C-alpha atoms as a PDB file:
ATOM      1  CA  MET A   1      63.118  45.757  90.789  1.00  0.00           C
ATOM      2  CA  ASN A   2      64.404  42.371  91.967  1.00  0.00           C
ATOM      3  CA  MET A   3      65.420  41.586  95.527  1.00  0.00           C
ATOM      4  CA  ILE A   4      69.175  42.031  94.896  1.00  0.00           C
ATOM      5  CA  GLY A   5      68.595  45.445  93.302  1.00  0.00           C
ATOM      6  CA  ALA A   6      66.388  46.525  96.183  1.00  0.00           C
ATOM      7  CA  ILE A   7      69.020  45.488  98.721  1.00  0.00           C
ATOM      8  CA  PHE A   8      71.732  47.323  96.761  1.00  0.00           C
ATOM      9  CA  PHE A   9      69.803  50.599  96.679  1.00  0.00           C
ATOM     10  CA  ALA A  10      68.872  50.255 100.343  1.00  0.00           C
ATOM     11  CA  VAL A  11      72.525  49.821 101.284  1.00  0.00           C
ATOM     12  CA  MET A  12      73.545  52.813  99.154  1.00  0.00           C
ATOM     13  CA  PHE A  13      70.838  54.928 100.761  1.00  0.00           C
ATOM     14  CA  LEU A  14      71.934  53.967 104.252  1.00  0.00           C
ATOM     15  CA  CYS A  15      75.568  54.716 103.370  1.00  0.00           C
ATOM     16  CA  ALA A  16      74.574  58.163 102.125  1.00  0.00           C
ATOM     17  CA  ILE A  17      72.608  58.835 105.295  1.00  0.00           C
ATOM     18  CA  ASP A  18      75.510  57.598 107.391  1.00  0.00           C
ATOM     19  CA  GLY A  19      77.930  59.845 105.515  1.00  0.00           C
ATOM     20  CA  ALA A  20      75.714  62.886 105.997  1.00  0.00           C
ATOM     21  CA  TRP A  21      75.326  62.178 109.716  1.00  0.00           C
ATOM     22  CA  GLY A  22      79.084  61.642 109.923  1.00  0.00           C
ATOM     23  CA  GLN A  23      79.733  65.092 108.461  1.00  0.00           C
ATOM     24  CA  LEU A  24      77.235  66.703 110.820  1.00  0.00           C
ATOM     25  CA  ASP A  25      78.801  64.910 113.776  1.00  0.00           C
ATOM     26  CA  ASP A  26      82.298  66.003 112.717  1.00  0.00           C
ATOM     27  CA  ARG A  27      81.153  69.630 112.401  1.00  0.00           C
ATOM     28  CA  ALA A  28      79.497  69.505 115.818  1.00  0.00           C
ATOM     29  CA  LYS A  29      82.726  68.235 117.363  1.00  0.00           C
ATOM     30  CA  LYS A  30      84.716  71.031 115.675  1.00  0.00           C
ATOM     31  CA  ILE A  31      82.281  73.631 116.988  1.00  0.00           C
ATOM     32  CA  GLU A  32      82.471  72.333 120.567  1.00  0.00           C
ATOM     33  CA  ALA A  33      86.281  72.284 120.434  1.00  0.00           C
ATOM     34  CA  ALA A  34      86.381  75.753 118.835  1.00  0.00           C
ATOM     35  CA  LYS A  35      84.297  77.131 121.710  1.00  0.00           C
ATOM     36  CA  LYS A  36      87.152  76.213 124.045  1.00  0.00           C
ATOM     37  CA  GLU A  37      89.755  77.769 121.732  1.00  0.00           C
ATOM     38  CA  GLY A  38      87.809  80.964 121.137  1.00  0.00           C
ATOM     39  CA  LYS A  39      90.303  82.607 118.770  1.00  0.00           C
ATOM     40  CA  LEU A  40      91.469  82.663 115.159  1.00  0.00           C
ATOM     41  CA  VAL A  41      94.619  84.289 113.731  1.00  0.00           C
ATOM     42  CA  TRP A  42      94.443  84.731 109.961  1.00  0.00           C
ATOM     43  CA  TYR A  43      97.521  85.718 107.947  1.00  0.00           C
ATOM     44  CA  THR A  44      96.458  86.997 104.539  1.00  0.00           C
ATOM     45  CA  SER A  45      97.456  89.104 101.553  1.00  0.00           C
ATOM     46  CA  THR A  46      93.789  89.869 100.857  1.00  0.00           C
ATOM     47  CA  ASN A  47      92.949  93.552 101.248  1.00  0.00           C
ATOM     48  CA  VAL A  48      91.321  94.451 104.572  1.00  0.00           C
ATOM     49  CA  THR A  49      88.308  95.823 102.660  1.00  0.00           C
ATOM     50  CA  GLU A  50      87.657  92.233 101.562  1.00  0.00           C
ATOM     51  CA  SER A  51      89.083  90.112 104.374  1.00  0.00           C
ATOM     52  CA  LYS A  52      87.375  92.067 107.179  1.00  0.00           C
ATOM     53  CA  PRO A  53      83.817  91.519 105.858  1.00  0.00           C
ATOM     54  CA  LEU A  54      84.558  87.790 105.543  1.00  0.00           C
ATOM     55  CA  LEU A  55      85.866  87.612 109.099  1.00  0.00           C
ATOM     56  CA  ASP A  56      82.890  89.634 110.345  1.00  0.00           C
ATOM     57  CA  ASP A  57      80.525  87.114 108.721  1.00  0.00           C
ATOM     58  CA  PHE A  58      82.437  84.243 110.313  1.00  0.00           C
ATOM     59  CA  GLU A  59      82.252  85.846 113.769  1.00  0.00           C
ATOM     60  CA  LYS A  60      78.503  86.383 113.359  1.00  0.00           C
ATOM     61  CA  GLN A  61      78.088  82.702 112.565  1.00  0.00           C
ATOM     62  CA  TYR A  62      80.353  81.695 115.474  1.00  0.00           C
ATOM     63  CA  PRO A  63      80.010  84.514 118.036  1.00  0.00           C
ATOM     64  CA  PHE A  64      82.186  82.667 120.563  1.00  0.00           C
ATOM     65  CA  ILE A  65      85.235  83.166 118.301  1.00  0.00           C
ATOM     66  CA  LYS A  66      87.325  86.353 118.159  1.00  0.00           C
ATOM     67  CA  GLY A  67      89.244  86.697 114.905  1.00  0.00           C
ATOM     68  CA  GLU A  68      92.430  88.615 114.156  1.00  0.00           C
ATOM     69  CA  ILE A  69      93.657  89.565 110.675  1.00  0.00           C
ATOM     70  CA  VAL A  70      97.378  90.018 110.013  1.00  0.00           C
ATOM     71  CA  ARG A  71      97.473  91.566 106.561  1.00  0.00           C
ATOM     72  CA  ALA A  72     100.594  91.982 104.399  1.00  0.00           C
ATOM     73  CA  SER A  73     101.713  91.206 100.861  1.00  0.00           C
ATOM     74  CA  GLY A  74     102.154  87.537  99.955  1.00  0.00           C
ATOM     75  CA  GLU A  75     105.932  87.843  99.980  1.00  0.00           C
ATOM     76  CA  LYS A  76     105.992  89.562 103.378  1.00  0.00           C
ATOM     77  CA  THR A  77     103.544  87.025 104.814  1.00  0.00           C
ATOM     78  CA  LEU A  78     105.700  84.182 103.517  1.00  0.00           C
ATOM     79  CA  ASN A  79     108.861  85.678 105.033  1.00  0.00           C
ATOM     80  CA  ARG A  80     107.094  86.319 108.340  1.00  0.00           C
ATOM     81  CA  ILE A  81     105.979  82.683 108.620  1.00  0.00           C
ATOM     82  CA  PHE A  82     109.472  81.410 107.750  1.00  0.00           C
ATOM     83  CA  THR A  83     111.050  83.729 110.334  1.00  0.00           C
ATOM     84  CA  GLU A  84     108.565  82.813 113.060  1.00  0.00           C
ATOM     85  CA  SER A  85     108.828  79.076 112.435  1.00  0.00           C
ATOM     86  CA  ARG A  86     112.640  79.202 112.604  1.00  0.00           C
ATOM     87  CA  ALA A  87     112.265  80.865 115.997  1.00  0.00           C
ATOM     88  CA  GLY A  88     109.858  78.129 117.118  1.00  0.00           C
ATOM     89  CA  ARG A  89     106.799  80.399 116.970  1.00  0.00           C
ATOM     90  CA  TRP A  90     103.492  79.346 115.457  1.00  0.00           C
ATOM     91  CA  ASP A  91     101.234  82.377 115.675  1.00  0.00           C
ATOM     92  CA  PHE A  92      98.965  81.810 112.669  1.00  0.00           C
ATOM     93  CA  ASP A  93      96.067  79.400 112.313  1.00  0.00           C
ATOM     94  CA  VAL A  94      95.168  79.931 108.664  1.00  0.00           C
ATOM     95  CA  VAL A  95      97.072  81.568 105.821  1.00  0.00           C
ATOM     96  CA  THR A  96      95.615  82.895 102.571  1.00  0.00           C
ATOM     97  CA  ILE A  97      98.167  83.907  99.942  1.00  0.00           C
ATOM     98  CA  SER A  98      99.118  82.910  96.397  1.00  0.00           C
ATOM     99  CA  GLU A  99     102.455  81.450  97.547  1.00  0.00           C
ATOM    100  CA  VAL A 100     101.058  78.513  99.543  1.00  0.00           C
ATOM    101  CA  ASP A 101     103.171  76.002  97.573  1.00  0.00           C
ATOM    102  CA  ALA A 102     106.301  77.341  99.268  1.00  0.00           C
ATOM    103  CA  LEU A 103     104.731  76.759 102.693  1.00  0.00           C
ATOM    104  CA  MET A 104     103.625  73.269 101.708  1.00  0.00           C
ATOM    105  CA  ASP A 105     107.125  72.402 100.488  1.00  0.00           C
ATOM    106  CA  ALA A 106     108.547  73.645 103.798  1.00  0.00           C
ATOM    107  CA  LYS A 107     106.054  71.423 105.678  1.00  0.00           C
ATOM    108  CA  LEU A 108     104.477  74.444 107.335  1.00  0.00           C
ATOM    109  CA  LEU A 109     100.951  73.476 106.299  1.00  0.00           C
ATOM    110  CA  ALA A 110      98.786  70.604 107.506  1.00  0.00           C
ATOM    111  CA  SER A 111      96.505  68.579 105.273  1.00  0.00           C
ATOM    112  CA  TYR A 112      92.825  69.315 105.719  1.00  0.00           C
ATOM    113  CA  LYS A 113      90.230  68.146 103.213  1.00  0.00           C
ATOM    114  CA  SER A 114      87.259  70.367 103.851  1.00  0.00           C
ATOM    115  CA  PRO A 115      83.846  68.893 103.007  1.00  0.00           C
ATOM    116  CA  GLU A 116      83.372  72.023 100.864  1.00  0.00           C
ATOM    117  CA  ALA A 117      86.361  71.154  98.629  1.00  0.00           C
ATOM    118  CA  LYS A 118      84.206  68.938  96.390  1.00  0.00           C
ATOM    119  CA  ASN A 119      82.721  72.109  94.904  1.00  0.00           C
ATOM    120  CA  PHE A 120      86.052  73.251  93.398  1.00  0.00           C
ATOM    121  CA  ILE A 121      87.669  72.073  90.165  1.00  0.00           C
ATOM    122  CA  ALA A 122      90.885  70.060  90.405  1.00  0.00           C
ATOM    123  CA  ASP A 123      93.121  72.967  89.289  1.00  0.00           C
ATOM    124  CA  PHE A 124      91.866  75.034  92.210  1.00  0.00           C
ATOM    125  CA  LYS A 125      92.812  72.681  95.064  1.00  0.00           C
ATOM    126  CA  ASP A 126      95.655  70.460  96.205  1.00  0.00           C
ATOM    127  CA  PRO A 127      94.798  66.758  95.796  1.00  0.00           C
ATOM    128  CA  ASN A 128      96.178  66.030  99.267  1.00  0.00           C
ATOM    129  CA  GLY A 129      94.277  68.837 100.979  1.00  0.00           C
ATOM    130  CA  TYR A 130      97.157  71.213 101.744  1.00  0.00           C
ATOM    131  CA  TRP A 131      95.502  74.220 100.102  1.00  0.00           C
ATOM    132  CA  ASN A 132      92.334  75.308  98.351  1.00  0.00           C
ATOM    133  CA  ALA A 133      91.799  78.437  96.250  1.00  0.00           C
ATOM    134  CA  ILE A 134      89.207  80.842  97.600  1.00  0.00           C
ATOM    135  CA  TYR A 135      89.381  83.347  94.751  1.00  0.00           C
ATOM    136  CA  VAL A 136      91.240  83.728  91.474  1.00  0.00           C
ATOM    137  CA  ASN A 137      92.899  86.623  89.674  1.00  0.00           C
ATOM    138  CA  TYR A 138      92.872  87.058  85.896  1.00  0.00           C
ATOM    139  CA  MET A 139      95.956  88.917  84.681  1.00  0.00           C
ATOM    140  CA  THR A 140      95.451  90.691  81.363  1.00  0.00           C
ATOM    141  CA  ILE A 141      95.985  93.948  79.471  1.00  0.00           C
ATOM    142  CA  GLY A 142      94.122  97.041  80.635  1.00  0.00           C
ATOM    143  CA  TYR A 143      93.822 100.473  79.110  1.00  0.00           C
ATOM    144  CA  ASN A 144      92.398 103.933  79.786  1.00  0.00           C
ATOM    145  CA  SER A 145      89.385 104.229  77.476  1.00  0.00           C
ATOM    146  CA  LYS A 146      89.639 108.038  77.345  1.00  0.00           C
ATOM    147  CA  LEU A 147      93.218 107.860  76.099  1.00  0.00           C
ATOM    148  CA  VAL A 148      92.935 104.745  73.911  1.00  0.00           C
ATOM    149  CA  ALA A 149      90.127 103.929  71.488  1.00  0.00           C
ATOM    150  CA  GLU A 150      88.899 100.331  71.561  1.00  0.00           C
ATOM    151  CA  LYS A 151      90.044  99.733  67.968  1.00  0.00           C
ATOM    152  CA  ASP A 152      93.576 100.894  68.867  1.00  0.00           C
ATOM    153  CA  ALA A 153      93.886  99.020  72.160  1.00  0.00           C
ATOM    154  CA  PRO A 154      96.383  96.138  72.376  1.00  0.00           C
ATOM    155  CA  LYS A 155      94.519  92.859  71.838  1.00  0.00           C
ATOM    156  CA  GLY A 156      97.347  90.481  72.838  1.00  0.00           C
ATOM    157  CA  TRP A 157     100.637  90.421  74.712  1.00  0.00           C
ATOM    158  CA  GLU A 158     102.744  90.935  71.594  1.00  0.00           C
ATOM    159  CA  ASP A 159     100.800  94.088  70.697  1.00  0.00           C
ATOM    160  CA  LEU A 160     102.605  95.750  73.608  1.00  0.00           C
ATOM    161  CA  LEU A 161     105.739  95.720  71.425  1.00  0.00           C
ATOM    162  CA  ASP A 162     104.243  98.309  69.063  1.00  0.00           C
ATOM    163  CA  ALA A 163     106.402 101.455  69.000  1.00  0.00           C
ATOM    164  CA  LYS A 164     103.373 103.630  69.848  1.00  0.00           C
ATOM    165  CA  TRP A 165     103.340 102.184  73.380  1.00  0.00           C
ATOM    166  CA  LYS A 166     106.953 103.034  74.209  1.00  0.00           C
ATOM    167  CA  GLY A 167     107.061 104.713  77.613  1.00  0.00           C
ATOM    168  CA  LYS A 168     103.310 104.246  78.051  1.00  0.00           C
ATOM    169  CA  ILE A 169     103.029 100.785  79.632  1.00  0.00           C
ATOM    170  CA  SER A 170     102.990 100.092  83.364  1.00  0.00           C
ATOM    171  CA  ILE A 171     103.885  96.706  84.867  1.00  0.00           C
ATOM    172  CA  ASP A 172     104.253  95.551  88.454  1.00  0.00           C
ATOM    173  CA  GLN A 173     107.950  95.374  89.282  1.00  0.00           C
ATOM    174  CA  GLU A 174     107.561  91.781  90.553  1.00  0.00           C
ATOM    175  CA  GLU A 175     105.452  90.315  87.756  1.00  0.00           C
ATOM    176  CA  TYR A 176     107.279  86.985  88.020  1.00  0.00           C
ATOM    177  CA  THR A 177     104.166  84.807  87.792  1.00  0.00           C
ATOM    178  CA  TRP A 178     103.148  86.415  84.500  1.00  0.00           C
ATOM    179  CA  TYR A 179     106.611  85.694  83.116  1.00  0.00           C
ATOM    180  CA  ALA A 180     106.505  82.092  84.374  1.00  0.00           C
ATOM    181  CA  THR A 181     103.053  81.459  82.888  1.00  0.00           C
ATOM    182  CA  LEU A 182     103.961  82.798  79.461  1.00  0.00           C
ATOM    183  CA  THR A 183     107.050  80.564  79.573  1.00  0.00           C
ATOM    184  CA  LYS A 184     104.792  77.613  80.411  1.00  0.00           C
ATOM    185  CA  SER A 185     102.441  78.540  77.574  1.00  0.00           C
ATOM    186  CA  TRP A 186     104.855  79.732  74.863  1.00  0.00           C
ATOM    187  CA  GLY A 187     108.114  77.997  75.696  1.00  0.00           C
ATOM    188  CA  LYS A 188     111.319  79.601  76.947  1.00  0.00           C
ATOM    189  CA  GLU A 189     112.801  80.762  73.644  1.00  0.00           C
ATOM    190  CA  ARG A 190     109.714  82.658  72.463  1.00  0.00           C
ATOM    191  CA  THR A 191     109.076  84.129  75.909  1.00  0.00           C
ATOM    192  CA  GLN A 192     112.604  85.411  76.413  1.00  0.00           C
ATOM    193  CA  LYS A 193     112.665  86.932  72.931  1.00  0.00           C
ATOM    194  CA  TYR A 194     109.387  88.690  73.697  1.00  0.00           C
ATOM    195  CA  MET A 195     110.482  89.905  77.137  1.00  0.00           C
ATOM    196  CA  ARG A 196     113.780  91.326  75.815  1.00  0.00           C
ATOM    197  CA  ALA A 197     111.859  93.254  73.190  1.00  0.00           C
ATOM    198  CA  LEU A 198     109.367  94.472  75.812  1.00  0.00           C
ATOM    199  CA  ALA A 199     112.229  95.644  78.032  1.00  0.00           C
ATOM    200  CA  LYS A 200     113.111  98.199  75.313  1.00  0.00           C
ATOM    201  CA  GLN A 201     109.668  99.806  75.669  1.00  0.00           C
ATOM    202  CA  ASP A 202     110.703 101.995  78.634  1.00  0.00           C
ATOM    203  CA  ILE A 203     108.297 100.324  81.063  1.00  0.00           C
ATOM    204  CA  GLN A 204     106.796 102.438  83.851  1.00  0.00           C
ATOM    205  CA  TRP A 205     107.362 100.195  86.851  1.00  0.00           C
ATOM    206  CA  ARG A 206     105.007 100.386  89.806  1.00  0.00           C
ATOM    207  CA  LYS A 207     104.254  98.116  92.783  1.00  0.00           C
ATOM    208  CA  GLY A 208     100.731  96.752  93.257  1.00  0.00           C
ATOM    209  CA  HIS A 209      97.982  95.963  90.759  1.00  0.00           C
ATOM    210  CA  THR A 210      95.381  98.113  92.519  1.00  0.00           C
ATOM    211  CA  LEU A 211      97.699 101.134  92.444  1.00  0.00           C
ATOM    212  CA  ILE A 212      98.498 100.523  88.778  1.00  0.00           C
ATOM    213  CA  THR A 213      94.800 100.397  87.896  1.00  0.00           C
ATOM    214  CA  GLN A 214      94.148 103.592  89.869  1.00  0.00           C
ATOM    215  CA  LEU A 215      96.981 105.423  88.126  1.00  0.00           C
ATOM    216  CA  MET A 216      95.886 104.153  84.723  1.00  0.00           C
ATOM    217  CA  ALA A 217      92.334 105.387  85.408  1.00  0.00           C
ATOM    218  CA  ALA A 218      93.796 108.769  86.402  1.00  0.00           C
ATOM    219  CA  GLY A 219      95.639 108.995  83.081  1.00  0.00           C
ATOM    220  CA  GLU A 220      99.223 108.620  84.324  1.00  0.00           C
ATOM    221  CA  PHE A 221      99.764 106.006  81.602  1.00  0.00           C
ATOM    222  CA  PRO A 222      97.342 104.596  79.002  1.00  0.00           C
ATOM    223  CA  VAL A 223      98.158 100.867  79.136  1.00  0.00           C
ATOM    224  CA  ALA A 224      99.068  98.405  81.901  1.00  0.00           C
ATOM    225  CA  ILE A 225      99.066  94.789  82.983  1.00  0.00           C
ATOM    226  CA  VAL A 226      96.094  94.586  85.353  1.00  0.00           C
ATOM    227  CA  TYR A 227      93.878  92.200  87.251  1.00  0.00           C
ATOM    228  CA  ALA A 228      90.564  91.888  85.400  1.00  0.00           C
ATOM    229  CA  HIS A 229      88.478  92.082  88.587  1.00  0.00           C
ATOM    230  CA  ARG A 230      90.141  95.348  89.609  1.00  0.00           C
ATOM    231  CA  ALA A 231      89.726  96.890  86.157  1.00  0.00           C
ATOM    232  CA  GLU A 232      86.115  95.680  85.913  1.00  0.00           C
ATOM    233  CA  GLY A 233      85.363  97.052  89.374  1.00  0.00           C
ATOM    234  CA  PHE A 234      86.728 100.467  88.380  1.00  0.00           C
ATOM    235  CA  ARG A 235      84.793 100.335  85.087  1.00  0.00           C
ATOM    236  CA  LEU A 236      81.508  99.536  86.813  1.00  0.00           C
ATOM    237  CA  ARG A 237      82.039 102.550  89.095  1.00  0.00           C
ATOM    238  CA  GLY A 238      82.394 104.822  86.050  1.00  0.00           C
ATOM    239  CA  ALA A 239      86.180 105.020  85.686  1.00  0.00           C
ATOM    240  CA  PRO A 240      87.606 105.117  82.129  1.00  0.00           C
ATOM    241  CA  VAL A 241      89.079 101.633  82.404  1.00  0.00           C
ATOM    242  CA  GLU A 242      88.796  98.639  80.087  1.00  0.00           C
ATOM    243  CA  TRP A 243      90.480  95.239  80.003  1.00  0.00           C
ATOM    244  CA  GLY A 244      91.183  92.744  77.245  1.00  0.00           C
ATOM    245  CA  SER A 245      88.977  89.665  77.471  1.00  0.00           C
ATOM    246  CA  GLY A 246      90.443  88.243  74.247  1.00  0.00           C
ATOM    247  CA  VAL A 247      94.065  88.143  75.428  1.00  0.00           C
ATOM    248  CA  ASN A 248      95.630  84.697  74.976  1.00  0.00           C
ATOM    249  CA  PRO A 249      96.525  83.495  77.488  1.00  0.00           C
ATOM    250  CA  ILE A 250      94.962  85.362  80.377  1.00  0.00           C
ATOM    251  CA  VAL A 251      97.147  84.388  83.319  1.00  0.00           C
ATOM    252  CA  VAL A 252      95.268  82.906  86.285  1.00  0.00           C
ATOM    253  CA  THR A 253      96.725  83.149  89.773  1.00  0.00           C
ATOM    254  CA  LEU A 254      95.108  81.517  92.775  1.00  0.00           C
ATOM    255  CA  ASN A 255      94.751  83.065  96.186  1.00  0.00           C
ATOM    256  CA  SER A 256      94.602  79.954  98.339  1.00  0.00           C
ATOM    257  CA  THR A 257      94.045  79.114 101.962  1.00  0.00           C
ATOM    258  CA  GLY A 258      95.845  76.541 104.089  1.00  0.00           C
ATOM    259  CA  LEU A 259      95.948  75.270 107.666  1.00  0.00           C
ATOM    260  CA  SER A 260      99.039  75.852 109.819  1.00  0.00           C
ATOM    261  CA  SER A 261     100.865  72.617 110.607  1.00  0.00           C
ATOM    262  CA  LYS A 262     101.009  73.742 114.253  1.00  0.00           C
ATOM    263  CA  SER A 263      97.873  75.830 114.504  1.00  0.00           C
ATOM    264  CA  PRO A 264      97.297  77.266 118.020  1.00  0.00           C
ATOM    265  CA  HIS A 265      93.538  76.945 117.401  1.00  0.00           C
ATOM    266  CA  PRO A 266      93.191  74.006 114.986  1.00  0.00           C
ATOM    267  CA  ASN A 267      89.458  73.359 115.298  1.00  0.00           C
ATOM    268  CA  THR A 268      88.623  77.024 114.834  1.00  0.00           C
ATOM    269  CA  ALA A 269      90.988  77.067 111.854  1.00  0.00           C
ATOM    270  CA  ARG A 270      89.170  74.138 110.221  1.00  0.00           C
ATOM    271  CA  LEU A 271      85.810  75.800 110.813  1.00  0.00           C
ATOM    272  CA  PHE A 272      87.137  78.947 109.178  1.00  0.00           C
ATOM    273  CA  ILE A 273      88.428  77.070 106.127  1.00  0.00           C
ATOM    274  CA  ASP A 274      85.037  75.364 105.780  1.00  0.00           C
ATOM    275  CA  PHE A 275      83.451  78.800 106.018  1.00  0.00           C
ATOM    276  CA  VAL A 276      85.562  80.608 103.381  1.00  0.00           C
ATOM    277  CA  LEU A 277      84.985  77.721 100.957  1.00  0.00           C
ATOM    278  CA  SER A 278      81.224  77.675 101.575  1.00  0.00           C
ATOM    279  CA  LYS A 279      78.769  79.036  99.036  1.00  0.00           C
ATOM    280  CA  PRO A 280      77.649  82.012 101.197  1.00  0.00           C
ATOM    281  CA  ALA A 281      81.257  83.140 101.752  1.00  0.00           C
ATOM    282  CA  GLN A 282      82.070  82.697  98.070  1.00  0.00           C
ATOM    283  CA  GLN A 283      78.985  84.743  97.184  1.00  0.00           C
ATOM    284  CA  ARG A 284      80.186  87.359  99.660  1.00  0.00           C
ATOM    285  CA  LEU A 285      83.517  87.528  97.808  1.00  0.00           C
ATOM    286  CA  ARG A 286      81.582  88.135  94.599  1.00  0.00           C
ATOM    287  CA  THR A 287      79.843  91.154  96.169  1.00  0.00           C
ATOM    288  CA  LEU A 288      83.325  92.438  97.081  1.00  0.00           C
ATOM    289  CA  SER A 289      84.310  92.336  93.383  1.00  0.00           C
ATOM    290  CA  ARG A 290      86.470  89.243  93.681  1.00  0.00           C
ATOM    291  CA  ILE A 291      86.265  86.248  91.337  1.00  0.00           C
ATOM    292  CA  PRO A 292      85.134  83.287  93.485  1.00  0.00           C
ATOM    293  CA  ALA A 293      86.987  80.011  92.957  1.00  0.00           C
ATOM    294  CA  ARG A 294      83.974  77.856  93.765  1.00  0.00           C
ATOM    295  CA  ALA A 295      82.464  76.261  90.648  1.00  0.00           C
ATOM    296  CA  ASP A 296      78.814  76.912  91.512  1.00  0.00           C
ATOM    297  CA  VAL A 297      79.249  80.656  92.184  1.00  0.00           C
ATOM    298  CA  GLU A 298      79.301  82.963  89.171  1.00  0.00           C
ATOM    299  CA  PRO A 299      81.726  85.921  88.932  1.00  0.00           C
ATOM    300  CA  PHE A 300      80.330  89.405  89.540  1.00  0.00           C
ATOM    301  CA  SER A 301      80.568  90.207  85.814  1.00  0.00           C
ATOM    302  CA  PRO A 302      79.506  87.860  82.983  1.00  0.00           C
ATOM    303  CA  ARG A 303      82.620  88.974  81.078  1.00  0.00           C
ATOM    304  CA  MET A 304      84.722  86.972  83.538  1.00  0.00           C
ATOM    305  CA  GLU A 305      83.023  83.618  83.057  1.00  0.00           C
ATOM    306  CA  GLN A 306      85.696  80.939  82.635  1.00  0.00           C
ATOM    307  CA  SER A 307      84.187  79.503  79.462  1.00  0.00           C
ATOM    308  CA  LYS A 308      84.517  82.851  77.667  1.00  0.00           C
ATOM    309  CA  LEU A 309      88.240  83.362  78.340  1.00  0.00           C
ATOM    310  CA  LYS A 310      91.491  81.732  77.262  1.00  0.00           C
ATOM    311  CA  LEU A 311      92.872  80.986  80.725  1.00  0.00           C
ATOM    312  CA  LYS A 312      96.207  79.524  81.826  1.00  0.00           C
ATOM    313  CA  VAL A 313      96.727  78.679  85.507  1.00  0.00           C
ATOM    314  CA  ALA A 314     100.101  79.916  86.734  1.00  0.00           C
ATOM    315  CA  PRO A 315     102.729  77.360  87.818  1.00  0.00           C
ATOM    316  CA  ALA A 316     103.676  76.955  91.471  1.00  0.00           C
ATOM    317  CA  GLU A 317     105.648  79.845  92.923  1.00  0.00           C
ATOM    318  CA  THR A 318     108.250  77.648  94.540  1.00  0.00           C
ATOM    319  CA  GLY A 319     111.394  75.613  93.893  1.00  0.00           C
ATOM    320  CA  ALA A 320     114.499  76.112  91.799  1.00  0.00           C
ATOM    321  CA  GLU A 321     112.515  76.660  88.597  1.00  0.00           C
ATOM    322  CA  PHE A 322     110.629  79.648  90.013  1.00  0.00           C
ATOM    323  CA  LYS A 323     113.845  81.097  91.462  1.00  0.00           C
ATOM    324  CA  GLU A 324     115.294  80.906  87.970  1.00  0.00           C
ATOM    325  CA  THR A 325     112.193  82.698  86.662  1.00  0.00           C
ATOM    326  CA  ILE A 326     112.789  85.542  89.128  1.00  0.00           C
ATOM    327  CA  ARG A 327     116.481  85.738  88.164  1.00  0.00           C
ATOM    328  CA  GLU A 328     115.647  85.865  84.440  1.00  0.00           C
ATOM    329  CA  PHE A 329     112.952  88.512  84.940  1.00  0.00           C
ATOM    330  CA  ARG A 330     115.308  90.743  86.931  1.00  0.00           C
ATOM    331  CA  GLU A 331     118.138  90.245  84.468  1.00  0.00           C
ATOM    332  CA  ILE A 332     115.984  91.091  81.435  1.00  0.00           C
ATOM    333  CA  PHE A 333     114.189  94.072  82.938  1.00  0.00           C
ATOM    334  CA  GLY A 334     116.922  95.304  85.316  1.00  0.00           C
ATOM    335  CA  GLN A 335     114.628  95.069  88.334  1.00  0.00           C
END
């Protein structure tokens, strides 16, 4: 190696060392500041059975912090934040919901590029640091394997139009994201034609994907639109539940986390975001039967590996276009 090459590599090495020390120094400063704050308020749509273990792990790592979970559906969490901010209240530090785009558009989130974000693919994080997915949901077709033989099960969305499924399909009454993603994938004309035909199938409307999967397992209806991780979790526990891995497209929704633009405990909030994006926390989510968003953490079932599925990430749940999606869905299905 000549002298110029040696100098170049020496400089690069020193820069790498400097960057690593810079990250360590930044983390140390956050920890010292978080000790003075001592509290974290986390608004989330994640079930308590999954969010509480994560918070417990965070508190064990940072015992000087006391965390509080405020759990509600994504829509209710969104409305709560809007209501509080209009009243001049800023009670939350971190929010984890699928509707983070609406908060970003309303300037209710602050940019924070966690050092852990480099481990997530571009589709799973905002380029400006306003949100980062922590886990993903795969929306597909599920069926009760006692009531439906594998050879007879619907293999794709359009199979749900078969007359034999009339009155036997359950769908969440606010499945707007599914509608929006099929529109993105198929185009408006094909999607609306399909949805109007599906509306004639006497859909059994329910609220909540977990409830729908439970009722399907109990035999209340044989077929439903489900989250793959929920159906797989039930299946692994012995329930007569299966889900279609060949459906095209499987709709992907992101449950993402963001920092409040006026966080009462901003350093603690940043530590928490770093934590939920870290490999140990993502592995913890896997043990809780969630599909981790982090690229170097495998899902809890090999069937859910990204490379094996035909995935389509859902569009942002915000703006005039999504409002039109909701209007169309309600008009077609009478919801």
